[in-house]
Amino acid sequence: MNKVPESIRKELAALAAKPENDIDFSDLPATAKQDWRGAVRGKFYRPVKQQLTVRIDADVVEWLKEEGKGYQSRMNDILRAAMLENVRHR
């Protein structure tokens, strides 16, 4: 693992301590709505997986497996959709 040189660490620390009001954004172009067309939030986000053992009714497992490989991912997608729906209605 490369060690960050002391000079760079000092520069980064100085930048982190600088108030936002002191940062010059004048050379940063403004963005328009069309600049973000096609952008995808969380494209590279990979949630941490946790291995566990669950008991699922046999007919539910068969239904998930009917589509072929990836039934565990489909189960996760279904559970995530239910979770997000629940969170949205709180």
PDB file of N, CA and C in Angstrom:
ATOM      1  N   MET A   1       0.844  -1.184   0.000  1.00  0.00           N
ATOM      2  CA  MET A   1       0.000   0.000   0.000  1.00  0.00           C
ATOM      3  C   MET A   1       0.882   1.238   0.000  1.00  0.00           C
ATOM      4  N   ASN A   2       0.580   2.181  -0.895  1.00  0.00           N
ATOM      5  CA  ASN A   2       1.373   3.399  -0.978  1.00  0.00           C
ATOM      6  C   ASN A   2       1.062   4.320   0.182  1.00  0.00           C
ATOM      7  N   LYS A   3       2.112   4.837   0.767  1.00  0.00           N
ATOM      8  CA  LYS A   3       1.941   5.802   1.841  1.00  0.00           C
ATOM      9  C   LYS A   3       1.807   7.182   1.216  1.00  0.00           C
ATOM     10  N   VAL A   4       0.842   7.944   1.673  1.00  0.00           N
ATOM     11  CA  VAL A   4       0.631   9.289   1.148  1.00  0.00           C
ATOM     12  C   VAL A   4       1.743  10.181   1.692  1.00  0.00           C
ATOM     13  N   PRO A   5       2.444  10.891   0.799  1.00  0.00           N
ATOM     14  CA  PRO A   5       3.531  11.759   1.261  1.00  0.00           C
ATOM     15  C   PRO A   5       3.018  12.831   2.236  1.00  0.00           C
ATOM     16  N   GLU A   6       3.869  13.197   3.147  1.00  0.00           N
ATOM     17  CA  GLU A   6       3.521  14.188   4.174  1.00  0.00           C
ATOM     18  C   GLU A   6       3.061  15.499   3.553  1.00  0.00           C
ATOM     19  N   SER A   7       3.699  15.929   2.475  1.00  0.00           N
ATOM     20  CA  SER A   7       3.323  17.201   1.850  1.00  0.00           C
ATOM     21  C   SER A   7       1.879  17.164   1.341  1.00  0.00           C
ATOM     22  N   ILE A   8       1.475  16.035   0.774  1.00  0.00           N
ATOM     23  CA  ILE A   8       0.111  15.900   0.267  1.00  0.00           C
ATOM     24  C   ILE A   8      -0.870  15.810   1.429  1.00  0.00           C
ATOM     25  N   ARG A   9      -0.500  15.093   2.483  1.00  0.00           N
ATOM     26  CA  ARG A   9      -1.375  15.010   3.658  1.00  0.00           C
ATOM     27  C   ARG A   9      -1.612  16.384   4.256  1.00  0.00           C
ATOM     28  N   LYS A  10      -0.559  17.213   4.322  1.00  0.00           N
ATOM     29  CA  LYS A  10      -0.708  18.574   4.859  1.00  0.00           C
ATOM     30  C   LYS A  10      -1.624  19.406   3.967  1.00  0.00           C
ATOM     31  N   GLU A  11      -1.457  19.273   2.655  1.00  0.00           N
ATOM     32  CA  GLU A  11      -2.288  20.031   1.717  1.00  0.00           C
ATOM     33  C   GLU A  11      -3.753  19.613   1.836  1.00  0.00           C
ATOM     34  N   LEU A  12      -4.001  18.309   1.935  1.00  0.00           N
ATOM     35  CA  LEU A  12      -5.370  17.817   2.085  1.00  0.00           C
ATOM     36  C   LEU A  12      -5.989  18.279   3.401  1.00  0.00           C
ATOM     37  N   ALA A  13      -5.206  18.272   4.469  1.00  0.00           N
ATOM     38  CA  ALA A  13      -5.703  18.738   5.761  1.00  0.00           C
ATOM     39  C   ALA A  13      -6.047  20.226   5.701  1.00  0.00           C
ATOM     40  N   ALA A  14      -5.215  21.015   5.027  1.00  0.00           N
ATOM     41  CA  ALA A  14      -5.481  22.449   4.896  1.00  0.00           C
ATOM     42  C   ALA A  14      -6.754  22.685   4.083  1.00  0.00           C
ATOM     43  N   LEU A  15      -6.939  21.915   3.012  1.00  0.00           N
ATOM     44  CA  LEU A  15      -8.152  22.052   2.205  1.00  0.00           C
ATOM     45  C   LEU A  15      -9.395  21.637   2.993  1.00  0.00           C
ATOM     46  N   ALA A  16      -9.291  20.582   3.771  1.00  0.00           N
ATOM     47  CA  ALA A  16     -10.436  20.113   4.563  1.00  0.00           C
ATOM     48  C   ALA A  16     -10.826  21.133   5.623  1.00  0.00           C
ATOM     49  N   ALA A  17      -9.852  21.875   6.124  1.00  0.00           N
ATOM     50  CA  ALA A  17     -10.125  22.869   7.170  1.00  0.00           C
ATOM     51  C   ALA A  17     -10.650  24.183   6.601  1.00  0.00           C
ATOM     52  N   LYS A  18     -10.542  24.362   5.308  1.00  0.00           N
ATOM     53  CA  LYS A  18     -10.945  25.617   4.666  1.00  0.00           C
ATOM     54  C   LYS A  18     -12.471  25.733   4.635  1.00  0.00           C
ATOM     55  N   PRO A  19     -13.023  26.879   5.059  1.00  0.00           N
ATOM     56  CA  PRO A  19     -14.482  27.068   4.997  1.00  0.00           C
ATOM     57  C   PRO A  19     -14.967  27.095   3.549  1.00  0.00           C
ATOM     58  N   GLU A  20     -16.172  26.604   3.315  1.00  0.00           N
ATOM     59  CA  GLU A  20     -16.709  26.569   1.958  1.00  0.00           C
ATOM     60  C   GLU A  20     -16.818  27.958   1.345  1.00  0.00           C
ATOM     61  N   ASN A  21     -17.061  28.964   2.179  1.00  0.00           N
ATOM     62  CA  ASN A  21     -17.185  30.334   1.671  1.00  0.00           C
ATOM     63  C   ASN A  21     -15.889  30.811   1.024  1.00  0.00           C
ATOM     64  N   ASP A  22     -14.766  30.237   1.397  1.00  0.00           N
ATOM     65  CA  ASP A  22     -13.469  30.642   0.854  1.00  0.00           C
ATOM     66  C   ASP A  22     -13.097  29.899  -0.431  1.00  0.00           C
ATOM     67  N   ILE A  23     -13.929  28.966  -0.851  1.00  0.00           N
ATOM     68  CA  ILE A  23     -13.624  28.191  -2.051  1.00  0.00           C
ATOM     69  C   ILE A  23     -14.158  28.927  -3.275  1.00  0.00           C
ATOM     70  N   ASP A  24     -13.307  29.097  -4.281  1.00  0.00           N
ATOM     71  CA  ASP A  24     -13.669  29.801  -5.509  1.00  0.00           C
ATOM     72  C   ASP A  24     -14.221  28.799  -6.519  1.00  0.00           C
ATOM     73  N   PHE A  25     -15.516  28.890  -6.785  1.00  0.00           N
ATOM     74  CA  PHE A  25     -16.173  28.006  -7.745  1.00  0.00           C
ATOM     75  C   PHE A  25     -16.372  28.678  -9.099  1.00  0.00           C
ATOM     76  N   SER A  26     -15.767  29.845  -9.322  1.00  0.00           N
ATOM     77  CA  SER A  26     -16.028  30.619 -10.532  1.00  0.00           C
ATOM     78  C   SER A  26     -15.599  29.891 -11.804  1.00  0.00           C
ATOM     79  N   ASP A  27     -14.626  29.007 -11.731  1.00  0.00           N
ATOM     80  CA  ASP A  27     -14.187  28.292 -12.932  1.00  0.00           C
ATOM     81  C   ASP A  27     -14.944  26.987 -13.151  1.00  0.00           C
ATOM     82  N   LEU A  28     -15.915  26.721 -12.291  1.00  0.00           N
ATOM     83  CA  LEU A  28     -16.715  25.507 -12.400  1.00  0.00           C
ATOM     84  C   LEU A  28     -17.972  25.814 -13.202  1.00  0.00           C
ATOM     85  N   PRO A  29     -18.164  25.188 -14.349  1.00  0.00           N
ATOM     86  CA  PRO A  29     -19.338  25.522 -15.157  1.00  0.00           C
ATOM     87  C   PRO A  29     -20.628  25.053 -14.490  1.00  0.00           C
ATOM     88  N   ALA A  30     -21.665  25.846 -14.671  1.00  0.00           N
ATOM     89  CA  ALA A  30     -22.978  25.469 -14.144  1.00  0.00           C
ATOM     90  C   ALA A  30     -23.514  24.301 -14.970  1.00  0.00           C
ATOM     91  N   THR A  31     -24.335  23.484 -14.345  1.00  0.00           N
ATOM     92  CA  THR A  31     -24.935  22.365 -15.068  1.00  0.00           C
ATOM     93  C   THR A  31     -26.404  22.655 -15.321  1.00  0.00           C
ATOM     94  N   ALA A  32     -26.896  22.112 -16.399  1.00  0.00           N
ATOM     95  CA  ALA A  32     -28.305  22.244 -16.747  1.00  0.00           C
ATOM     96  C   ALA A  32     -28.974  20.883 -16.592  1.00  0.00           C
ATOM     97  N   LYS A  33     -30.289  20.901 -16.626  1.00  0.00           N
ATOM     98  CA  LYS A  33     -31.044  19.662 -16.449  1.00  0.00           C
ATOM     99  C   LYS A  33     -30.650  18.604 -17.480  1.00  0.00           C
ATOM    100  N   GLN A  34     -30.417  19.034 -18.727  1.00  0.00           N
ATOM    101  CA  GLN A  34     -30.075  18.055 -19.773  1.00  0.00           C
ATOM    102  C   GLN A  34     -28.710  17.419 -19.541  1.00  0.00           C
ATOM    103  N   ASP A  35     -27.840  18.076 -18.753  1.00  0.00           N
ATOM    104  CA  ASP A  35     -26.537  17.486 -18.442  1.00  0.00           C
ATOM    105  C   ASP A  35     -26.685  16.213 -17.616  1.00  0.00           C
ATOM    106  N   TRP A  36     -27.763  16.101 -16.879  1.00  0.00           N
ATOM    107  CA  TRP A  36     -27.973  14.966 -15.980  1.00  0.00           C
ATOM    108  C   TRP A  36     -28.869  13.898 -16.602  1.00  0.00           C
ATOM    109  N   ARG A  37     -29.320  14.128 -17.842  1.00  0.00           N
ATOM    110  CA  ARG A  37     -30.163  13.141 -18.518  1.00  0.00           C
ATOM    111  C   ARG A  37     -29.366  11.845 -18.689  1.00  0.00           C
ATOM    112  N   GLY A  38     -29.927  10.764 -18.292  1.00  0.00           N
ATOM    113  CA  GLY A  38     -29.253   9.472 -18.397  1.00  0.00           C
ATOM    114  C   GLY A  38     -28.406   9.122 -17.180  1.00  0.00           C
ATOM    115  N   ALA A  39     -28.282  10.070 -16.235  1.00  0.00           N
ATOM    116  CA  ALA A  39     -27.514   9.785 -15.019  1.00  0.00           C
ATOM    117  C   ALA A  39     -28.275   8.769 -14.174  1.00  0.00           C
ATOM    118  N   VAL A  40     -27.536   7.910 -13.511  1.00  0.00           N
ATOM    119  CA  VAL A  40     -28.136   6.877 -12.680  1.00  0.00           C
ATOM    120  C   VAL A  40     -27.568   6.985 -11.276  1.00  0.00           C
ATOM    121  N   ARG A  41     -28.451   7.124 -10.300  1.00  0.00           N
ATOM    122  CA  ARG A  41     -28.016   7.212  -8.917  1.00  0.00           C
ATOM    123  C   ARG A  41     -27.685   5.816  -8.401  1.00  0.00           C
ATOM    124  N   GLY A  42     -26.556   5.718  -7.728  1.00  0.00           N
ATOM    125  CA  GLY A  42     -26.177   4.463  -7.089  1.00  0.00           C
ATOM    126  C   GLY A  42     -25.721   3.370  -8.042  1.00  0.00           C
ATOM    127  N   LYS A  43     -25.290   3.735  -9.237  1.00  0.00           N
ATOM    128  CA  LYS A  43     -24.923   2.734 -10.246  1.00  0.00           C
ATOM    129  C   LYS A  43     -23.823   1.794  -9.746  1.00  0.00           C
ATOM    130  N   PHE A  44     -22.889   2.317  -8.990  1.00  0.00           N
ATOM    131  CA  PHE A  44     -21.763   1.506  -8.538  1.00  0.00           C
ATOM    132  C   PHE A  44     -21.884   1.098  -7.074  1.00  0.00           C
ATOM    133  N   TYR A  45     -23.032   1.393  -6.469  1.00  0.00           N
ATOM    134  CA  TYR A  45     -23.254   1.036  -5.070  1.00  0.00           C
ATOM    135  C   TYR A  45     -23.487  -0.461  -4.954  1.00  0.00           C
ATOM    136  N   ARG A  46     -22.759  -1.100  -4.079  1.00  0.00           N
ATOM    137  CA  ARG A  46     -22.935  -2.524  -3.816  1.00  0.00           C
ATOM    138  C   ARG A  46     -23.167  -2.696  -2.316  1.00  0.00           C
ATOM    139  N   PRO A  47     -24.402  -2.978  -1.927  1.00  0.00           N
ATOM    140  CA  PRO A  47     -24.650  -3.138  -0.494  1.00  0.00           C
ATOM    141  C   PRO A  47     -23.912  -4.352   0.066  1.00  0.00           C
ATOM    142  N   VAL A  48     -23.587  -4.273   1.330  1.00  0.00           N
ATOM    143  CA  VAL A  48     -22.914  -5.383   2.003  1.00  0.00           C
ATOM    144  C   VAL A  48     -23.915  -6.524   2.137  1.00  0.00           C
ATOM    145  N   LYS A  49     -23.501  -7.692   1.734  1.00  0.00           N
ATOM    146  CA  LYS A  49     -24.367  -8.872   1.830  1.00  0.00           C
ATOM    147  C   LYS A  49     -24.126  -9.570   3.168  1.00  0.00           C
ATOM    148  N   GLN A  50     -25.167 -10.174   3.670  1.00  0.00           N
ATOM    149  CA  GLN A  50     -25.062 -10.936   4.915  1.00  0.00           C
ATOM    150  C   GLN A  50     -25.618 -12.325   4.648  1.00  0.00           C
ATOM    151  N   GLN A  51     -24.804 -13.323   4.945  1.00  0.00           N
ATOM    152  CA  GLN A  51     -25.253 -14.695   4.739  1.00  0.00           C
ATOM    153  C   GLN A  51     -26.087 -15.119   5.939  1.00  0.00           C
ATOM    154  N   LEU A  52     -27.241 -15.730   5.649  1.00  0.00           N
ATOM    155  CA  LEU A  52     -28.069 -16.248   6.720  1.00  0.00           C
ATOM    156  C   LEU A  52     -28.884 -17.423   6.214  1.00  0.00           C
ATOM    157  N   THR A  53     -29.468 -18.119   7.130  1.00  0.00           N
ATOM    158  CA  THR A  53     -30.319 -19.252   6.783  1.00  0.00           C
ATOM    159  C   THR A  53     -31.757 -18.871   7.070  1.00  0.00           C
ATOM    160  N   VAL A  54     -32.623 -19.056   6.074  1.00  0.00           N
ATOM    161  CA  VAL A  54     -34.048 -18.758   6.253  1.00  0.00           C
ATOM    162  C   VAL A  54     -34.856 -19.952   5.767  1.00  0.00           C
ATOM    163  N   ARG A  55     -36.041 -20.053   6.257  1.00  0.00           N
ATOM    164  CA  ARG A  55     -36.949 -21.106   5.812  1.00  0.00           C
ATOM    165  C   ARG A  55     -38.040 -20.451   4.979  1.00  0.00           C
ATOM    166  N   ILE A  56     -38.094 -20.832   3.727  1.00  0.00           N
ATOM    167  CA  ILE A  56     -39.055 -20.283   2.771  1.00  0.00           C
ATOM    168  C   ILE A  56     -39.976 -21.420   2.338  1.00  0.00           C
ATOM    169  N   ASP A  57     -41.260 -21.141   2.230  1.00  0.00           N
ATOM    170  CA  ASP A  57     -42.197 -22.169   1.774  1.00  0.00           C
ATOM    171  C   ASP A  57     -41.749 -22.727   0.427  1.00  0.00           C
ATOM    172  N   ALA A  58     -41.898 -24.043   0.288  1.00  0.00           N
ATOM    173  CA  ALA A  58     -41.411 -24.738  -0.904  1.00  0.00           C
ATOM    174  C   ALA A  58     -42.030 -24.190  -2.186  1.00  0.00           C
ATOM    175  N   ASP A  59     -43.318 -23.833  -2.141  1.00  0.00           N
ATOM    176  CA  ASP A  59     -43.954 -23.330  -3.361  1.00  0.00           C
ATOM    177  C   ASP A  59     -43.405 -21.957  -3.749  1.00  0.00           C
ATOM    178  N   VAL A  60     -43.002 -21.174  -2.770  1.00  0.00           N
ATOM    179  CA  VAL A  60     -42.409 -19.869  -3.055  1.00  0.00           C
ATOM    180  C   VAL A  60     -41.036 -20.053  -3.699  1.00  0.00           C
ATOM    181  N   VAL A  61     -40.247 -20.984  -3.171  1.00  0.00           N
ATOM    182  CA  VAL A  61     -38.924 -21.256  -3.740  1.00  0.00           C
ATOM    183  C   VAL A  61     -39.061 -21.765  -5.176  1.00  0.00           C
ATOM    184  N   GLU A  62     -39.991 -22.662  -5.413  1.00  0.00           N
ATOM    185  CA  GLU A  62     -40.213 -23.178  -6.770  1.00  0.00           C
ATOM    186  C   GLU A  62     -40.606 -22.054  -7.712  1.00  0.00           C
ATOM    187  N   TRP A  63     -41.471 -21.156  -7.254  1.00  0.00           N
ATOM    188  CA  TRP A  63     -41.890 -20.015  -8.067  1.00  0.00           C
ATOM    189  C   TRP A  63     -40.686 -19.145  -8.435  1.00  0.00           C
ATOM    190  N   LEU A  64     -39.808 -18.905  -7.457  1.00  0.00           N
ATOM    191  CA  LEU A  64     -38.616 -18.099  -7.717  1.00  0.00           C
ATOM    192  C   LEU A  64     -37.677 -18.799  -8.693  1.00  0.00           C
ATOM    193  N   LYS A  65     -37.547 -20.116  -8.566  1.00  0.00           N
ATOM    194  CA  LYS A  65     -36.625 -20.878  -9.402  1.00  0.00           C
ATOM    195  C   LYS A  65     -37.143 -21.081 -10.825  1.00  0.00           C
ATOM    196  N   GLU A  66     -38.446 -20.875 -11.057  1.00  0.00           N
ATOM    197  CA  GLU A  66     -39.022 -21.058 -12.389  1.00  0.00           C
ATOM    198  C   GLU A  66     -38.326 -20.197 -13.440  1.00  0.00           C
ATOM    199  N   GLU A  67     -37.832 -19.046 -13.043  1.00  0.00           N
ATOM    200  CA  GLU A  67     -37.160 -18.128 -13.973  1.00  0.00           C
ATOM    201  C   GLU A  67     -35.728 -18.555 -14.255  1.00  0.00           C
ATOM    202  N   GLY A  68     -35.225 -19.562 -13.548  1.00  0.00           N
ATOM    203  CA  GLY A  68     -33.859 -20.024 -13.764  1.00  0.00           C
ATOM    204  C   GLY A  68     -32.900 -19.462 -12.733  1.00  0.00           C
ATOM    205  N   LYS A  69     -31.624 -19.388 -13.125  1.00  0.00           N
ATOM    206  CA  LYS A  69     -30.597 -18.920 -12.204  1.00  0.00           C
ATOM    207  C   LYS A  69     -30.903 -17.510 -11.711  1.00  0.00           C
ATOM    208  N   GLY A  70     -30.411 -17.220 -10.515  1.00  0.00           N
ATOM    209  CA  GLY A  70     -30.582 -15.886  -9.958  1.00  0.00           C
ATOM    210  C   GLY A  70     -31.785 -15.756  -9.039  1.00  0.00           C
ATOM    211  N   TYR A  71     -32.315 -16.868  -8.579  1.00  0.00           N
ATOM    212  CA  TYR A  71     -33.510 -16.786  -7.747  1.00  0.00           C
ATOM    213  C   TYR A  71     -33.250 -16.065  -6.422  1.00  0.00           C
ATOM    214  N   GLN A  72     -32.028 -16.180  -5.893  1.00  0.00           N
ATOM    215  CA  GLN A  72     -31.724 -15.474  -4.649  1.00  0.00           C
ATOM    216  C   GLN A  72     -31.696 -13.966  -4.874  1.00  0.00           C
ATOM    217  N   SER A  73     -31.169 -13.542  -6.001  1.00  0.00           N
ATOM    218  CA  SER A  73     -31.167 -12.117  -6.330  1.00  0.00           C
ATOM    219  C   SER A  73     -32.588 -11.614  -6.540  1.00  0.00           C
ATOM    220  N   ARG A  74     -33.438 -12.424  -7.187  1.00  0.00           N
ATOM    221  CA  ARG A  74     -34.840 -12.034  -7.366  1.00  0.00           C
ATOM    222  C   ARG A  74     -35.541 -11.915  -6.020  1.00  0.00           C
ATOM    223  N   MET A  75     -35.249 -12.851  -5.108  1.00  0.00           N
ATOM    224  CA  MET A  75     -35.835 -12.784  -3.773  1.00  0.00           C
ATOM    225  C   MET A  75     -35.397 -11.490  -3.079  1.00  0.00           C
ATOM    226  N   ASN A  76     -34.108 -11.151  -3.218  1.00  0.00           N
ATOM    227  CA  ASN A  76     -33.596  -9.927  -2.615  1.00  0.00           C
ATOM    228  C   ASN A  76     -34.282  -8.704  -3.218  1.00  0.00           C
ATOM    229  N   ASP A  77     -34.475  -8.702  -4.536  1.00  0.00           N
ATOM    230  CA  ASP A  77     -35.136  -7.578  -5.201  1.00  0.00           C
ATOM    231  C   ASP A  77     -36.568  -7.399  -4.705  1.00  0.00           C
ATOM    232  N   ILE A  78     -37.274  -8.513  -4.547  1.00  0.00           N
ATOM    233  CA  ILE A  78     -38.653  -8.462  -4.053  1.00  0.00           C
ATOM    234  C   ILE A  78     -38.679  -7.907  -2.633  1.00  0.00           C
ATOM    235  N   LEU A  79     -37.775  -8.395  -1.782  1.00  0.00           N
ATOM    236  CA  LEU A  79     -37.720  -7.909  -0.397  1.00  0.00           C
ATOM    237  C   LEU A  79     -37.323  -6.440  -0.332  1.00  0.00           C
ATOM    238  N   ARG A  80     -36.383  -6.030  -1.188  1.00  0.00           N
ATOM    239  CA  ARG A  80     -35.965  -4.623  -1.202  1.00  0.00           C
ATOM    240  C   ARG A  80     -37.123  -3.720  -1.621  1.00  0.00           C
ATOM    241  N   ALA A  81     -37.868  -4.125  -2.642  1.00  0.00           N
ATOM    242  CA  ALA A  81     -39.015  -3.332  -3.099  1.00  0.00           C
ATOM    243  C   ALA A  81     -40.046  -3.192  -1.979  1.00  0.00           C
ATOM    244  N   ALA A  82     -40.294  -4.284  -1.258  1.00  0.00           N
ATOM    245  CA  ALA A  82     -41.238  -4.237  -0.136  1.00  0.00           C
ATOM    246  C   ALA A  82     -40.712  -3.319   0.973  1.00  0.00           C
ATOM    247  N   MET A  83     -39.410  -3.396   1.243  1.00  0.00           N
ATOM    248  CA  MET A  83     -38.815  -2.549   2.266  1.00  0.00           C
ATOM    249  C   MET A  83     -38.938  -1.070   1.895  1.00  0.00           C
ATOM    250  N   LEU A  84     -38.596  -0.739   0.650  1.00  0.00           N
ATOM    251  CA  LEU A  84     -38.658   0.657   0.217  1.00  0.00           C
ATOM    252  C   LEU A  84     -40.087   1.186   0.227  1.00  0.00           C
ATOM    253  N   GLU A  85     -41.020   0.358  -0.162  1.00  0.00           N
ATOM    254  CA  GLU A  85     -42.444   0.744  -0.112  1.00  0.00           C
ATOM    255  C   GLU A  85     -42.868   1.023   1.318  1.00  0.00           C
ATOM    256  N   ASN A  86     -42.440   0.185   2.233  1.00  0.00           N
ATOM    257  CA  ASN A  86     -42.773   0.351   3.650  1.00  0.00           C
ATOM    258  C   ASN A  86     -42.158   1.635   4.194  1.00  0.00           C
ATOM    259  N   VAL A  87     -40.920   1.886   3.849  1.00  0.00           N
ATOM    260  CA  VAL A  87     -40.224   3.086   4.333  1.00  0.00           C
ATOM    261  C   VAL A  87     -40.906   4.339   3.755  1.00  0.00           C
ATOM    262  N   ARG A  88     -41.320   4.288   2.508  1.00  0.00           N
ATOM    263  CA  ARG A  88     -41.960   5.437   1.862  1.00  0.00           C
ATOM    264  C   ARG A  88     -43.285   5.797   2.545  1.00  0.00           C
ATOM    265  N   HIS A  89     -43.996   4.819   3.074  1.00  0.00           N
ATOM    266  CA  HIS A  89     -45.299   5.068   3.698  1.00  0.00           C
ATOM    267  C   HIS A  89     -45.228   5.396   5.175  1.00  0.00           C
ATOM    268  N   ARG A  90     -44.038   5.468   5.726  1.00  0.00           N
ATOM    269  CA  ARG A  90     -43.925   5.815   7.154  1.00  0.00           C
ATOM    270  C   ARG A  90     -44.137   7.279   7.380  1.00  0.00           C
TER     271      ARG A  90
END
